[in-house]
Amino acid sequence: MIWAISVVLALAGLVLLAIAAMRLLGGLKELGFGLERVQERAGELQDLQERLNATLAEAERTAAALPKK
């Protein structure tokens, strides 16, 4: 009888462990999707930074070309 209870408890523990593992894998998958979005945003930020730098350089050239008072 004790062996049967031990087996049932062991199986229940394995089931709980499997459920926890599935939830962890799901969380890791979501984390991967979030990381992809962050990387995309970082690429967009880099593009915007380059555009801003180009605009600033153009503004500086234009300001330098203006006659000084």
C-alpha atoms as a PDB file:
ATOM      1  CA  MET A   1       0.000   0.000   0.000  1.00  0.00           C
ATOM      2  CA  ILE A   2       2.819   2.424   0.840  1.00  0.00           C
ATOM      3  CA  TRP A   3       4.465   1.614  -2.480  1.00  0.00           C
ATOM      4  CA  ALA A   4       1.272   2.454  -4.352  1.00  0.00           C
ATOM      5  CA  ILE A   5       1.006   5.811  -2.585  1.00  0.00           C
ATOM      6  CA  SER A   6       4.673   6.502  -3.325  1.00  0.00           C
ATOM      7  CA  VAL A   7       4.175   5.714  -7.005  1.00  0.00           C
ATOM      8  CA  VAL A   8       1.096   7.945  -7.219  1.00  0.00           C
ATOM      9  CA  LEU A   9       2.937  10.800  -5.504  1.00  0.00           C
ATOM     10  CA  ALA A  10       5.942  10.340  -7.791  1.00  0.00           C
ATOM     11  CA  LEU A  11       3.703  10.419 -10.876  1.00  0.00           C
ATOM     12  CA  ALA A  12       1.924  13.510  -9.581  1.00  0.00           C
ATOM     13  CA  GLY A  13       5.312  15.152  -9.071  1.00  0.00           C
ATOM     14  CA  LEU A  14       6.327  14.276 -12.618  1.00  0.00           C
ATOM     15  CA  VAL A  15       3.091  15.728 -13.973  1.00  0.00           C
ATOM     16  CA  LEU A  16       3.641  18.956 -12.040  1.00  0.00           C
ATOM     17  CA  LEU A  17       7.226  19.089 -13.269  1.00  0.00           C
ATOM     18  CA  ALA A  18       6.070  18.620 -16.863  1.00  0.00           C
ATOM     19  CA  ILE A  19       3.500  21.398 -16.494  1.00  0.00           C
ATOM     20  CA  ALA A  20       6.112  23.732 -15.026  1.00  0.00           C
ATOM     21  CA  ALA A  21       8.490  22.901 -17.881  1.00  0.00           C
ATOM     22  CA  MET A  22       5.802  23.639 -20.472  1.00  0.00           C
ATOM     23  CA  ARG A  23       5.037  26.993 -18.846  1.00  0.00           C
ATOM     24  CA  LEU A  24       8.739  27.822 -18.744  1.00  0.00           C
ATOM     25  CA  LEU A  25       9.150  26.983 -22.428  1.00  0.00           C
ATOM     26  CA  GLY A  26       6.156  29.162 -23.250  1.00  0.00           C
ATOM     27  CA  GLY A  27       7.696  32.022 -21.310  1.00  0.00           C
ATOM     28  CA  LEU A  28      11.001  31.556 -23.095  1.00  0.00           C
ATOM     29  CA  LYS A  29       9.232  31.644 -26.451  1.00  0.00           C
ATOM     30  CA  GLU A  30       7.520  34.923 -25.493  1.00  0.00           C
ATOM     31  CA  LEU A  31      10.869  36.281 -24.337  1.00  0.00           C
ATOM     32  CA  GLY A  32      12.332  35.379 -27.730  1.00  0.00           C
ATOM     33  CA  PHE A  33       9.554  37.277 -29.504  1.00  0.00           C
ATOM     34  CA  GLY A  34      10.127  40.247 -27.220  1.00  0.00           C
ATOM     35  CA  LEU A  35      13.846  40.158 -27.955  1.00  0.00           C
ATOM     36  CA  GLU A  36      13.148  40.180 -31.694  1.00  0.00           C
ATOM     37  CA  ARG A  37      10.967  43.266 -31.262  1.00  0.00           C
ATOM     38  CA  VAL A  38      13.671  44.987 -29.225  1.00  0.00           C
ATOM     39  CA  GLN A  39      16.239  44.226 -31.922  1.00  0.00           C
ATOM     40  CA  GLU A  40      13.913  45.619 -34.600  1.00  0.00           C
ATOM     41  CA  ARG A  41      13.387  48.775 -32.538  1.00  0.00           C
ATOM     42  CA  ALA A  42      17.145  49.111 -32.037  1.00  0.00           C
ATOM     43  CA  GLY A  43      17.609  48.959 -35.817  1.00  0.00           C
ATOM     44  CA  GLU A  44      14.950  51.630 -36.295  1.00  0.00           C
ATOM     45  CA  LEU A  45      16.620  53.749 -33.638  1.00  0.00           C
ATOM     46  CA  GLN A  46      19.949  53.431 -35.428  1.00  0.00           C
ATOM     47  CA  ASP A  47      18.342  54.569 -38.699  1.00  0.00           C
ATOM     48  CA  LEU A  48      16.710  57.540 -36.966  1.00  0.00           C
ATOM     49  CA  GLN A  49      20.014  58.458 -35.314  1.00  0.00           C
ATOM     50  CA  GLU A  50      21.761  58.445 -38.695  1.00  0.00           C
ATOM     51  CA  ARG A  51      19.018  60.618 -40.208  1.00  0.00           C
ATOM     52  CA  LEU A  52      19.216  63.019 -37.265  1.00  0.00           C
ATOM     53  CA  ASN A  53      22.992  63.289 -37.615  1.00  0.00           C
ATOM     54  CA  ALA A  54      22.657  63.980 -41.336  1.00  0.00           C
ATOM     55  CA  THR A  55      20.016  66.638 -40.680  1.00  0.00           C
ATOM     56  CA  LEU A  56      22.176  68.252 -38.003  1.00  0.00           C
ATOM     57  CA  ALA A  57      25.196  68.293 -40.324  1.00  0.00           C
ATOM     58  CA  GLU A  58      23.089  69.901 -43.065  1.00  0.00           C
ATOM     59  CA  ALA A  59      21.773  72.518 -40.615  1.00  0.00           C
ATOM     60  CA  GLU A  60      25.338  73.309 -39.515  1.00  0.00           C
ATOM     61  CA  ARG A  61      26.462  73.693 -43.144  1.00  0.00           C
ATOM     62  CA  THR A  62      23.498  75.958 -43.880  1.00  0.00           C
ATOM     63  CA  ALA A  63      24.141  78.045 -40.782  1.00  0.00           C
ATOM     64  CA  ALA A  64      27.805  78.399 -41.712  1.00  0.00           C
ATOM     65  CA  ALA A  65      26.867  79.562 -45.211  1.00  0.00           C
ATOM     66  CA  LEU A  66      24.633  82.366 -43.908  1.00  0.00           C
ATOM     67  CA  PRO A  67      26.162  85.810 -43.792  1.00  0.00           C
ATOM     68  CA  LYS A  68      27.246  86.813 -40.310  1.00  0.00           C
ATOM     69  CA  LYS A  69      26.111  90.057 -38.781  1.00  0.00           C
END
